[in-house]
């Protein structure tokens, strides 16, 4: 097996995790002489993360602070489960093609339903000025959606008795991929990380290039290398690219795009199988015999429409604090971004109470279009609400904020594959402050100490995700964001969200908004 990077399993539920730990050997397919004796990937996806009986550390309130029941973690989690439920409904109804891709997808009914529900919750919280605002997809934009696909590694009698085709269950086509006539068959060539120093020695023409990707946490960090290298492979004549993504478990992952040709991500355990087969074939002089058949049906959509939910709580002054959380998601999307949206709803219920009237006016945005080209929720909010936008001293993007943290676990199964095990905290969170305001950094520091939010130790001006749509806000822009490995994968399920983490973030943000509310604008935006 190339490299010493540990591999870990895919998430379904706590019960399944426990069962998998007890019966891991039974879950493995039998190994014989087929496929050079390489262990086949499991027929069913293992859970990505072992979530044991020890719950995350509880929230401890500062002396004298009111309990505020709207911030109790179990209360927020009920909203989280409802939001994820819209994704599950999308899967059950096969909203997209064969149902291999699902989520809360802007431009489709699943996102509209989630945003309508969340907007209704804002209204029920007692916020009189609550509305849905519709907008159309930009005229020059199209939205690529895969309808059905398969990556099949073709068996060959020379690979051992009983060798038969293996379908890689974790395969996920990437945006922009197109296969003429819907299918292609070609030999595989392993290109490692596809560095220029490697490619000068490899012939990829007419072959499917197999590229290794080892994310340092969040896959976003790998876009700058993976995509250009896939494009270079296409220029050198590769007919397709398979990205072996070494992430927890065997998760389908939907990230990277426009690779210059057909491009698929492959999950950890499938990737381990494929690497091992290519190694064995090379050792036996049969590397040219390892072939794959790729099939893909996809389409591009235009003329789509989406909607934001917008609610305004008047403050003691007209200056505005914007709180934004996007509602759309790939797959279950519990951490991207159901947790952020659920926390924002808790904040709305808190500040809607007359006793908690804010010093500054607060605008809550249930945002659409985060993942759909041409439908940008924040940018359309700014266009449709120029007066509110003009008065904003601060915009806060609440995005990926309560996923649990993972550590390497023990080896599971004879192939040496490893689980990840959840620890008792949340994954690190970056707090990016666009203008580097010392006051805002100080409030973040005090709030973290007060509630135990697991912010990274270094101050940052990082702006990512939704924040880009607020570029025209003249005040500071705050990005609160985790960068965990399950981002944009099927492993981002309810099990990996910390219930106390939801509460910690909600209480922190209420503290943050109150501190900012009573502070002169000159300190917020020096």
Protein backbone atom coordinates (compact mmCIF):
# COMPACT_ATOMS: atom_id res chain seq x y z
CA UNK A 1 0.00 0.00 0.00
CA UNK A 2 1.50 3.35 -1.08
CA UNK A 3 2.15 5.83 1.74
CA UNK A 4 1.61 5.57 5.44
CA UNK A 5 -1.58 7.57 5.59
CA UNK A 6 -4.18 5.86 7.76
CA UNK A 7 -7.56 5.11 6.25
CA UNK A 8 -10.80 5.11 8.16
CA UNK A 9 -14.37 3.84 7.73
CA UNK A 10 -17.82 5.56 6.52
CA UNK A 11 -20.59 6.76 8.79
CA UNK A 12 -24.08 5.36 9.09
CA UNK A 13 -25.06 5.31 12.77
CA UNK A 14 -23.72 4.74 16.27
CA UNK A 15 -25.32 1.31 16.42
CA UNK A 16 -23.80 0.31 13.11
CA UNK A 17 -20.40 1.56 14.29
CA UNK A 18 -20.57 -0.63 17.37
CA UNK A 19 -21.68 -3.64 15.35
CA UNK A 20 -18.92 -3.00 12.83
CA UNK A 21 -16.31 -3.00 15.60
CA UNK A 22 -17.57 -6.36 16.90
CA UNK A 23 -18.05 -8.03 13.53
CA UNK A 24 -15.51 -6.37 11.26
CA UNK A 25 -13.99 -9.65 10.13
CA UNK A 26 -17.41 -10.92 9.02
CA UNK A 27 -17.97 -7.77 6.99
CA UNK A 28 -14.97 -8.46 4.76
CA UNK A 29 -15.48 -10.34 1.52
CA UNK A 30 -13.62 -13.62 1.35
CA UNK A 31 -10.16 -13.52 -0.12
CA UNK A 32 -8.84 -16.20 -2.44
CA UNK A 33 -6.78 -16.08 -5.59
CA UNK A 34 -9.09 -13.61 -7.35
CA UNK A 35 -7.68 -10.14 -8.00
CA UNK A 36 -4.16 -11.30 -7.09
CA UNK A 37 -5.43 -12.13 -3.60
CA UNK A 38 -6.18 -8.47 -2.83
CA UNK A 39 -8.95 -7.88 -0.27
CA UNK A 40 -12.04 -6.57 -2.00
CA UNK A 41 -13.76 -3.46 -0.66
CA UNK A 42 -16.79 -4.25 1.51
CA UNK A 43 -20.07 -4.75 -0.34
CA UNK A 44 -21.76 -2.26 2.01
CA UNK A 45 -20.29 1.00 3.26
CA UNK A 46 -18.87 0.88 6.75
CA UNK A 47 -19.48 3.83 9.05
CA UNK A 48 -16.84 6.53 8.59
CA UNK A 49 -16.43 7.34 12.24
CA UNK A 50 -16.88 5.26 15.36
CA UNK A 51 -19.18 7.30 17.60
CA UNK A 52 -18.98 5.63 20.99
CA UNK A 53 -21.01 5.97 24.18
CA UNK A 54 -18.98 8.87 25.59
CA UNK A 55 -20.74 12.07 24.61
CA UNK A 56 -18.93 15.34 23.93
CA UNK A 57 -18.04 17.42 26.94
CA UNK A 58 -21.01 19.35 28.26
CA UNK A 59 -21.49 23.11 28.27
CA UNK A 60 -20.74 24.90 31.52
CA UNK A 61 -22.47 28.24 31.91
CA UNK A 62 -20.72 31.21 33.52
CA UNK A 63 -21.96 32.01 37.00
CA UNK A 64 -25.21 33.94 36.93
CA UNK A 65 -25.96 33.48 33.21
CA UNK A 66 -29.55 32.62 32.36
CA UNK A 67 -30.16 29.13 30.97
CA UNK A 68 -32.07 30.45 27.91
CA UNK A 69 -33.86 27.21 26.93
CA UNK A 70 -33.74 28.09 23.23
CA UNK A 71 -29.97 27.46 23.42
CA UNK A 72 -30.16 23.99 24.96
CA UNK A 73 -28.33 21.60 22.66
CA UNK A 74 -31.10 19.02 22.47
CA UNK A 75 -33.56 21.74 21.43
CA UNK A 76 -31.30 22.94 18.62
CA UNK A 77 -30.72 19.34 17.55
CA UNK A 78 -34.43 18.88 16.86
CA UNK A 79 -34.15 21.59 14.18
CA UNK A 80 -30.97 19.96 12.90
CA UNK A 81 -32.81 16.67 12.42
CA UNK A 82 -35.67 18.38 10.61
CA UNK A 83 -33.28 20.13 8.22
CA UNK A 84 -31.42 16.89 7.43
CA UNK A 85 -34.84 15.30 6.88
CA UNK A 86 -35.32 17.41 3.74
CA UNK A 87 -32.16 15.83 2.32
CA UNK A 88 -33.36 12.34 3.21
CA UNK A 89 -36.64 13.07 1.44
CA UNK A 90 -34.68 14.17 -1.64
CA UNK A 91 -32.95 10.79 -1.65
CA UNK A 92 -36.13 8.81 -1.07
CA UNK A 93 -37.94 10.52 -3.94
CA UNK A 94 -34.93 10.32 -6.30
CA UNK A 95 -35.11 14.02 -6.93
CA UNK A 96 -31.94 13.79 -9.03
CA UNK A 97 -31.81 11.03 -11.64
CA UNK A 98 -31.14 7.59 -10.20
CA UNK A 99 -30.93 8.87 -6.62
CA UNK A 100 -27.16 8.39 -6.38
CA UNK A 101 -26.89 12.11 -5.58
CA UNK A 102 -29.22 13.83 -3.15
CA UNK A 103 -29.39 16.79 -0.79
CA UNK A 104 -31.07 20.15 -0.30
CA UNK A 105 -30.30 21.41 -3.77
CA UNK A 106 -30.96 25.03 -4.74
CA UNK A 107 -33.05 25.29 -7.87
CA UNK A 108 -34.86 22.05 -6.95
CA UNK A 109 -37.80 21.44 -4.55
CA UNK A 110 -35.62 20.06 -1.72
CA UNK A 111 -33.95 23.41 -1.06
CA UNK A 112 -37.19 25.37 -1.40
CA UNK A 113 -38.88 23.13 1.17
CA UNK A 114 -36.04 23.52 3.66
CA UNK A 115 -35.96 27.32 3.26
CA UNK A 116 -39.74 27.65 3.48
CA UNK A 117 -39.72 25.60 6.69
CA UNK A 118 -36.87 27.63 8.23
CA UNK A 119 -38.52 30.92 7.25
CA UNK A 120 -41.73 29.74 8.89
CA UNK A 121 -39.73 29.06 12.07
CA UNK A 122 -38.51 32.66 12.01
CA UNK A 123 -42.08 33.83 11.66
CA UNK A 124 -43.26 31.57 14.49
CA UNK A 125 -40.49 32.99 16.69
CA UNK A 126 -42.44 36.24 16.56
CA UNK A 127 -40.41 38.15 13.95
CA UNK A 128 -43.06 40.19 12.14
CA UNK A 129 -40.81 41.32 9.29
CA UNK A 130 -40.19 37.90 7.75
CA UNK A 131 -40.41 37.08 4.05
CA UNK A 132 -39.29 34.86 1.22
CA UNK A 133 -37.40 36.56 -1.59
CA UNK A 134 -37.18 34.75 -4.92
CA UNK A 135 -34.47 35.28 -7.53
CA UNK A 136 -33.50 33.78 -10.86
CA UNK A 137 -30.34 32.03 -11.99
CA UNK A 138 -27.90 34.29 -13.77
CA UNK A 139 -28.52 34.16 -17.52
CA UNK A 140 -24.99 33.00 -18.38
CA UNK A 141 -24.90 30.23 -15.76
CA UNK A 142 -25.67 26.53 -16.09
CA UNK A 143 -25.90 23.93 -13.33
CA UNK A 144 -24.32 20.52 -14.02
CA UNK A 145 -26.09 17.53 -12.47
CA UNK A 146 -25.16 13.85 -12.85
CA UNK A 147 -28.14 11.55 -13.38
CA UNK A 148 -26.56 8.07 -13.20
CA UNK A 149 -23.05 6.61 -13.34
CA UNK A 150 -20.80 3.62 -12.70
CA UNK A 151 -17.08 2.90 -12.39
CA UNK A 152 -16.47 -0.80 -13.07
CA UNK A 153 -13.03 -2.39 -12.78
CA UNK A 154 -13.03 -5.22 -15.32
CA UNK A 155 -12.02 -8.70 -14.25
CA UNK A 156 -9.45 -10.73 -16.17
CA UNK A 157 -8.68 -14.44 -15.86
CA UNK A 158 -5.00 -13.58 -15.58
CA UNK A 159 -5.65 -11.84 -12.25
CA UNK A 160 -6.52 -15.10 -10.50
CA UNK A 161 -9.19 -17.78 -10.47
CA UNK A 162 -12.66 -16.36 -9.84
CA UNK A 163 -11.77 -12.77 -10.72
CA UNK A 164 -14.93 -10.90 -11.73
CA UNK A 165 -15.82 -7.25 -12.27
CA UNK A 166 -15.81 -4.94 -9.25
CA UNK A 167 -18.03 -1.86 -9.18
CA UNK A 168 -16.55 0.92 -7.03
CA UNK A 169 -19.53 1.92 -4.91
CA UNK A 170 -17.96 5.17 -3.74
CA UNK A 171 -17.41 6.59 -7.25
CA UNK A 172 -18.74 10.13 -7.70
CA UNK A 173 -18.56 12.06 -11.00
CA UNK A 174 -17.42 15.66 -10.78
CA UNK A 175 -19.01 18.77 -12.23
CA UNK A 176 -18.29 19.32 -15.91
CA UNK A 177 -17.66 15.65 -16.65
CA UNK A 178 -18.99 14.38 -19.96
CA UNK A 179 -18.55 10.99 -21.63
CA UNK A 180 -19.38 10.84 -25.33
CA UNK A 181 -22.12 8.27 -25.92
CA UNK A 182 -22.28 7.78 -22.14
CA UNK A 183 -19.57 5.09 -21.81
CA UNK A 184 -15.84 4.49 -22.25
CA UNK A 185 -13.47 1.59 -21.58
CA UNK A 186 -9.69 2.01 -21.25
CA UNK A 187 -6.67 0.70 -19.33
CA UNK A 188 -5.65 2.31 -16.06
CA UNK A 189 -2.35 4.01 -15.31
CA UNK A 190 -1.33 5.07 -11.81
CA UNK A 191 0.13 8.60 -11.75
CA UNK A 192 0.53 9.13 -8.00
CA UNK A 193 0.06 12.78 -7.11
CA UNK A 194 0.59 13.70 -10.79
CA UNK A 195 3.50 16.04 -10.05
CA UNK A 196 5.34 17.27 -13.16
CA UNK A 197 8.39 15.28 -12.05
CA UNK A 198 6.29 12.10 -12.29
CA UNK A 199 4.32 12.86 -15.43
CA UNK A 200 7.44 13.29 -17.56
CA UNK A 201 8.06 9.55 -17.12
CA UNK A 202 4.47 8.34 -17.74
CA UNK A 203 2.44 7.72 -20.87
CA UNK A 204 -1.23 8.49 -20.13
CA UNK A 205 -2.47 8.82 -23.70
CA UNK A 206 -5.65 6.82 -24.25
CA UNK A 207 -5.68 5.68 -20.61
CA UNK A 208 -7.64 6.41 -17.46
CA UNK A 209 -5.25 8.19 -15.09
CA UNK A 210 -5.48 7.24 -11.42
CA UNK A 211 -4.46 10.23 -9.29
CA UNK A 212 -3.81 10.04 -5.53
CA UNK A 213 -5.31 12.78 -3.33
CA UNK A 214 -4.46 12.97 0.37
CA UNK A 215 -6.48 15.88 1.81
CA UNK A 216 -5.04 17.79 4.72
CA UNK A 217 -8.49 17.92 6.32
CA UNK A 218 -10.90 19.93 4.17
CA UNK A 219 -10.93 19.05 0.44
CA UNK A 220 -11.16 22.74 -0.40
CA UNK A 221 -7.46 22.97 0.41
CA UNK A 222 -6.65 20.49 -2.37
CA UNK A 223 -8.51 22.19 -5.24
CA UNK A 224 -5.51 24.25 -6.25
CA UNK A 225 -3.42 21.13 -6.98
CA UNK A 226 -5.89 18.36 -7.86
CA UNK A 227 -7.81 20.22 -10.57
CA UNK A 228 -4.82 21.68 -12.48
CA UNK A 229 -3.10 18.29 -12.42
CA UNK A 230 -6.23 16.55 -13.71
CA UNK A 231 -6.42 19.16 -16.48
CA UNK A 232 -2.77 18.49 -17.35
CA UNK A 233 -3.50 14.76 -17.53
CA UNK A 234 -6.32 15.48 -19.96
CA UNK A 235 -3.98 17.63 -22.09
CA UNK A 236 -1.52 14.73 -22.18
CA UNK A 237 -4.22 12.50 -23.61
CA UNK A 238 -5.79 10.79 -20.59
CA UNK A 239 -9.37 9.85 -21.48
CA UNK A 240 -10.51 10.20 -17.86
CA UNK A 241 -9.18 10.73 -14.32
CA UNK A 242 -9.99 8.80 -11.14
CA UNK A 243 -9.11 10.72 -7.95
CA UNK A 244 -8.36 8.28 -5.13
CA UNK A 245 -9.41 10.43 -2.17
CA UNK A 246 -7.93 9.18 1.09
CA UNK A 247 -10.68 10.31 3.40
CA UNK A 248 -12.48 8.50 6.23
CA UNK A 249 -14.18 5.31 5.14
CA UNK A 250 -15.43 4.71 1.63
CA UNK A 251 -17.36 7.92 1.28
CA UNK A 252 -18.54 9.34 -2.03
CA UNK A 253 -17.21 12.90 -2.09
CA UNK A 254 -18.55 15.70 -4.27
CA UNK A 255 -15.76 18.25 -4.63
CA UNK A 256 -13.33 19.41 -7.34
CA UNK A 257 -14.71 20.22 -10.80
CA UNK A 258 -13.88 21.05 -14.40
CA UNK A 259 -11.00 18.59 -14.61
CA UNK A 260 -10.70 18.92 -18.38
CA UNK A 261 -12.44 15.62 -19.09
CA UNK A 262 -14.43 12.87 -17.33
CA UNK A 263 -13.40 12.87 -13.67
CA UNK A 264 -14.55 10.75 -10.71
CA UNK A 265 -13.69 10.81 -7.02
CA UNK A 266 -13.14 7.36 -5.44
CA UNK A 267 -13.48 6.72 -1.71
CA UNK A 268 -10.81 5.43 0.67
CA UNK A 269 -11.44 1.71 0.79
CA UNK A 270 -12.22 1.46 -2.93
CA UNK A 271 -9.06 3.43 -3.59
CA UNK A 272 -7.02 1.09 -1.38
CA UNK A 273 -8.32 -1.88 -3.39
CA UNK A 274 -7.52 -0.23 -6.70
CA UNK A 275 -4.00 0.83 -5.66
CA UNK A 276 -3.26 -2.66 -4.39
CA UNK A 277 -4.48 -4.27 -7.61
CA UNK A 278 -2.35 -1.91 -9.71
CA UNK A 279 0.68 -2.74 -7.55
CA UNK A 280 0.14 -6.48 -7.91
CA UNK A 281 -0.45 -6.18 -11.65
CA UNK A 282 2.77 -4.18 -12.06
CA UNK A 283 4.75 -6.75 -10.09
CA UNK A 284 3.40 -9.46 -12.41
CA UNK A 285 3.95 -7.52 -15.62
CA UNK A 286 0.21 -7.19 -16.24
CA UNK A 287 -0.31 -3.48 -15.59
CA UNK A 288 -1.73 -2.89 -19.09
CA UNK A 289 -4.44 -5.47 -18.48
CA UNK A 290 -6.13 -3.55 -15.64
CA UNK A 291 -9.03 -1.82 -17.34
CA UNK A 292 -12.15 0.06 -16.30
CA UNK A 293 -15.48 0.85 -17.89
CA UNK A 294 -16.90 4.26 -16.98
CA UNK A 295 -20.50 5.26 -17.65
CA UNK A 296 -22.16 8.59 -17.02
CA UNK A 297 -25.36 10.37 -17.87
CA UNK A 298 -25.45 14.04 -16.94
CA UNK A 299 -27.25 17.24 -17.84
CA UNK A 300 -26.93 21.00 -17.52
CA UNK A 301 -29.81 23.08 -16.23
CA UNK A 302 -30.50 26.77 -16.71
CA UNK A 303 -33.37 29.13 -15.94
CA UNK A 304 -33.54 27.91 -12.34
CA UNK A 305 -35.07 29.88 -9.48
CA UNK A 306 -34.31 29.92 -5.75
CA UNK A 307 -35.33 31.86 -2.65
CA UNK A 308 -33.84 33.29 0.52
CA UNK A 309 -35.64 33.58 3.81
CA UNK A 310 -35.09 37.01 5.36
CA UNK A 311 -36.18 38.16 8.83
CA UNK A 312 -35.48 41.53 10.48
CA UNK A 313 -35.57 42.23 14.22
CA UNK A 314 -35.49 46.02 14.75
CA UNK A 315 -32.89 47.11 17.26
CA UNK A 316 -32.44 50.19 19.37
CA UNK A 317 -30.50 51.68 16.45
CA UNK A 318 -30.82 51.41 12.66
CA UNK A 319 -27.34 50.03 12.10
CA UNK A 320 -27.44 46.39 11.06
CA UNK A 321 -25.77 43.10 11.98
CA UNK A 322 -26.30 40.41 9.33
CA UNK A 323 -26.39 36.75 10.38
CA UNK A 324 -26.34 34.31 7.47
CA UNK A 325 -26.51 30.50 7.20
CA UNK A 326 -26.92 28.66 3.92
CA UNK A 327 -29.62 25.99 3.80
CA UNK A 328 -28.59 23.98 0.76
CA UNK A 329 -26.40 20.89 0.94
CA UNK A 330 -24.99 17.86 -0.82
CA UNK A 331 -26.11 14.53 0.65
CA UNK A 332 -27.42 14.71 4.25
CA UNK A 333 -25.41 17.88 4.86
CA UNK A 334 -25.65 17.71 8.66
CA UNK A 335 -22.43 19.69 9.01
CA UNK A 336 -22.65 21.69 5.79
CA UNK A 337 -24.73 23.44 6.77
CA UNK A 338 -27.64 22.09 8.80
CA UNK A 339 -25.75 22.74 12.04
CA UNK A 340 -25.13 26.39 11.12
CA UNK A 341 -28.75 26.94 10.14
CA UNK A 342 -30.09 25.28 13.28
CA UNK A 343 -27.89 27.51 15.45
CA UNK A 344 -29.06 30.60 13.58
CA UNK A 345 -32.70 29.68 14.22
CA UNK A 346 -31.92 29.44 17.94
CA UNK A 347 -30.41 32.93 17.84
CA UNK A 348 -33.51 34.26 16.10
CA UNK A 349 -35.79 32.81 18.79
CA UNK A 350 -33.60 34.37 21.47
CA UNK A 351 -33.43 37.89 20.08
CA UNK A 352 -37.10 37.86 19.05
CA UNK A 353 -38.07 37.85 22.74
CA UNK A 354 -38.93 41.38 23.91
CA UNK A 355 -36.60 40.97 26.91
CA UNK A 356 -33.69 40.40 24.51
CA UNK A 357 -34.30 43.30 22.14
CA UNK A 358 -30.95 43.86 20.39
CA UNK A 359 -29.03 47.11 20.43
CA UNK A 360 -28.50 46.94 16.68
CA UNK A 361 -31.01 45.71 14.12
CA UNK A 362 -30.39 42.04 13.28
CA UNK A 363 -31.06 40.57 9.85
CA UNK A 364 -31.27 36.78 9.59
CA UNK A 365 -30.76 35.21 6.14
CA UNK A 366 -31.67 31.61 5.34
CA UNK A 367 -29.57 31.54 2.23
CA UNK A 368 -29.89 29.53 -0.99
CA UNK A 369 -27.56 28.86 -3.88
CA UNK A 370 -24.35 28.05 -2.05
CA UNK A 371 -23.71 25.00 -4.27
CA UNK A 372 -25.66 25.95 -7.40
CA UNK A 373 -23.92 28.05 -10.03
CA UNK A 374 -25.74 31.28 -10.81
CA UNK A 375 -27.86 31.27 -7.64
CA UNK A 376 -25.89 33.12 -4.97
CA UNK A 377 -28.01 33.82 -1.90
CA UNK A 378 -25.90 36.52 -0.20
CA UNK A 379 -25.30 38.41 -3.45
CA UNK A 380 -29.03 38.40 -4.21
CA UNK A 381 -29.82 39.52 -0.65
CA UNK A 382 -27.55 42.53 -1.19
CA UNK A 383 -29.25 43.30 -4.51
CA UNK A 384 -32.80 42.94 -3.19
CA UNK A 385 -32.24 44.76 0.13
CA UNK A 386 -29.96 47.73 -0.61
CA UNK A 387 -31.07 49.77 2.41
CA UNK A 388 -30.35 46.98 4.89
CA UNK A 389 -27.06 46.22 3.16
CA UNK A 390 -26.00 49.87 3.29
CA UNK A 391 -26.57 50.02 7.06
CA UNK A 392 -24.61 46.85 7.86
CA UNK A 393 -21.67 47.30 10.22
CA UNK A 394 -21.02 43.56 10.30
CA UNK A 395 -21.95 40.36 8.43
CA UNK A 396 -21.45 36.94 10.04
CA UNK A 397 -21.36 33.73 8.03
CA UNK A 398 -22.28 30.69 10.18
CA UNK A 399 -21.04 27.65 8.25
CA UNK A 400 -19.91 24.18 9.49
CA UNK A 401 -19.70 24.82 13.23
CA UNK A 402 -20.49 21.72 15.33
CA UNK A 403 -18.97 18.61 13.74
CA UNK A 404 -17.16 16.31 16.16
CA UNK A 405 -13.40 15.91 16.12
CA UNK A 406 -11.83 12.59 15.05
CA UNK A 407 -8.72 10.65 15.95
CA UNK A 408 -7.12 7.63 14.27
CA UNK A 409 -8.55 4.36 15.52
CA UNK A 410 -7.37 0.78 15.53
CA UNK A 411 -6.95 -1.35 12.42
CA UNK A 412 -10.17 -3.00 11.30
CA UNK A 413 -10.12 -6.06 9.06
CA UNK A 414 -7.28 -7.96 7.41
CA UNK A 415 -6.63 -5.22 4.86
CA UNK A 416 -5.19 -2.98 7.58
CA UNK A 417 -7.82 -0.31 7.10
CA UNK A 418 -8.43 2.02 10.06
CA UNK A 419 -11.47 3.62 11.57
CA UNK A 420 -11.64 7.19 12.82
CA UNK A 421 -12.92 7.55 16.38
CA UNK A 422 -14.76 10.61 17.61
CA UNK A 423 -13.22 12.27 20.66
CA UNK A 424 -15.00 14.42 23.24
CA UNK A 425 -14.70 17.76 21.46
CA UNK A 426 -15.63 19.54 18.27
CA UNK A 427 -13.43 19.91 15.20
CA UNK A 428 -11.38 23.14 15.21
CA UNK A 429 -13.17 26.26 13.98
CA UNK A 430 -11.56 29.19 12.21
CA UNK A 431 -12.90 32.65 12.99
CA UNK A 432 -11.94 34.87 10.08
CA UNK A 433 -12.21 38.64 10.65
CA UNK A 434 -11.94 40.44 7.31
CA UNK A 435 -10.62 43.73 8.66
CA UNK A 436 -8.45 42.30 11.45
CA UNK A 437 -10.31 44.45 14.01
CA UNK A 438 -8.59 44.09 17.42
CA UNK A 439 -11.96 44.61 19.11
CA UNK A 440 -13.64 41.77 17.17
CA UNK A 441 -10.69 39.44 17.76
CA UNK A 442 -10.89 40.26 21.48
CA UNK A 443 -14.63 39.46 21.61
CA UNK A 444 -13.97 36.14 19.87
CA UNK A 445 -11.24 35.34 22.38
CA UNK A 446 -13.40 36.23 25.39
CA UNK A 447 -16.37 34.30 23.99
CA UNK A 448 -14.24 31.21 23.36
CA UNK A 449 -12.96 31.25 26.93
CA UNK A 450 -16.47 31.81 28.26
CA UNK A 451 -18.14 28.88 26.44
CA UNK A 452 -15.29 26.60 25.39
CA UNK A 453 -15.73 26.99 21.63
CA UNK A 454 -12.83 25.21 19.92
CA UNK A 455 -11.44 28.03 17.80
CA UNK A 456 -7.99 27.63 16.29
CA UNK A 457 -5.34 29.54 18.22
CA UNK A 458 -4.25 31.83 15.40
CA UNK A 459 -6.07 35.02 14.44
CA UNK A 460 -7.23 35.01 10.84
CA UNK A 461 -8.63 37.25 8.13
CA UNK A 462 -9.86 34.16 6.19
CA UNK A 463 -12.97 34.73 4.09
CA UNK A 464 -14.59 31.68 2.55
CA UNK A 465 -17.88 30.06 1.63
CA UNK A 466 -20.88 32.36 1.88
CA UNK A 467 -18.81 35.36 2.89
CA UNK A 468 -17.83 36.14 -0.67
CA UNK A 469 -21.41 37.13 -1.50
CA UNK A 470 -21.17 39.91 1.11
CA UNK A 471 -18.15 41.53 -0.53
CA UNK A 472 -20.03 44.82 -0.88
CA UNK A 473 -20.75 45.09 2.86
CA UNK A 474 -18.78 48.11 3.99
CA UNK A 475 -18.38 46.74 7.51
CA UNK A 476 -16.45 43.76 8.80
CA UNK A 477 -17.19 40.25 7.55
CA UNK A 478 -16.83 37.30 9.93
CA UNK A 479 -16.47 33.70 8.73
CA UNK A 480 -17.03 30.94 11.29
CA UNK A 481 -16.06 27.64 9.68
CA UNK A 482 -14.77 24.18 10.49
CA UNK A 483 -12.64 22.32 7.95
CA UNK A 484 -13.24 18.65 8.84
CA UNK A 485 -12.56 15.73 6.48
CA UNK A 486 -16.19 14.68 5.96
CA UNK A 487 -17.04 17.92 4.12
CA UNK A 488 -19.11 17.30 0.94
CA UNK A 489 -19.29 13.55 1.61
CA UNK A 490 -22.01 11.06 2.50
CA UNK A 491 -20.39 10.76 5.93
CA UNK A 492 -21.70 14.15 7.04
CA UNK A 493 -24.64 12.64 8.91
CA UNK A 494 -26.36 13.42 12.19
CA UNK A 495 -24.10 11.08 14.15
CA UNK A 496 -21.04 13.28 13.71
CA UNK A 497 -22.66 16.48 14.98
CA UNK A 498 -21.96 17.41 18.59
CA UNK A 499 -25.12 18.37 20.48
CA UNK A 500 -23.16 20.35 23.11
CA UNK A 501 -21.23 21.89 20.22
CA UNK A 502 -24.46 23.32 18.84
CA UNK A 503 -25.18 24.88 22.22
CA UNK A 504 -21.64 26.21 22.63
CA UNK A 505 -21.79 28.01 19.29
CA UNK A 506 -25.29 29.40 19.87
CA UNK A 507 -24.34 30.84 23.26
CA UNK A 508 -21.07 32.20 21.89
CA UNK A 509 -22.82 33.94 19.00
CA UNK A 510 -25.47 35.48 21.28
CA UNK A 511 -22.64 36.86 23.44
CA UNK A 512 -20.80 38.08 20.33
CA UNK A 513 -23.87 39.87 18.92
CA UNK A 514 -24.59 41.56 22.26
CA UNK A 515 -20.99 42.75 22.63
CA UNK A 516 -20.93 44.08 19.08
CA UNK A 517 -24.34 45.66 19.53
CA UNK A 518 -23.25 47.97 22.31
CA UNK A 519 -19.90 48.95 20.76
CA UNK A 520 -19.31 52.04 18.56
CA UNK A 521 -18.93 51.30 14.84
CA UNK A 522 -15.47 52.86 14.87
CA UNK A 523 -14.18 50.01 17.04
CA UNK A 524 -15.86 47.33 14.91
CA UNK A 525 -14.47 48.84 11.73
CA UNK A 526 -11.35 50.80 12.76
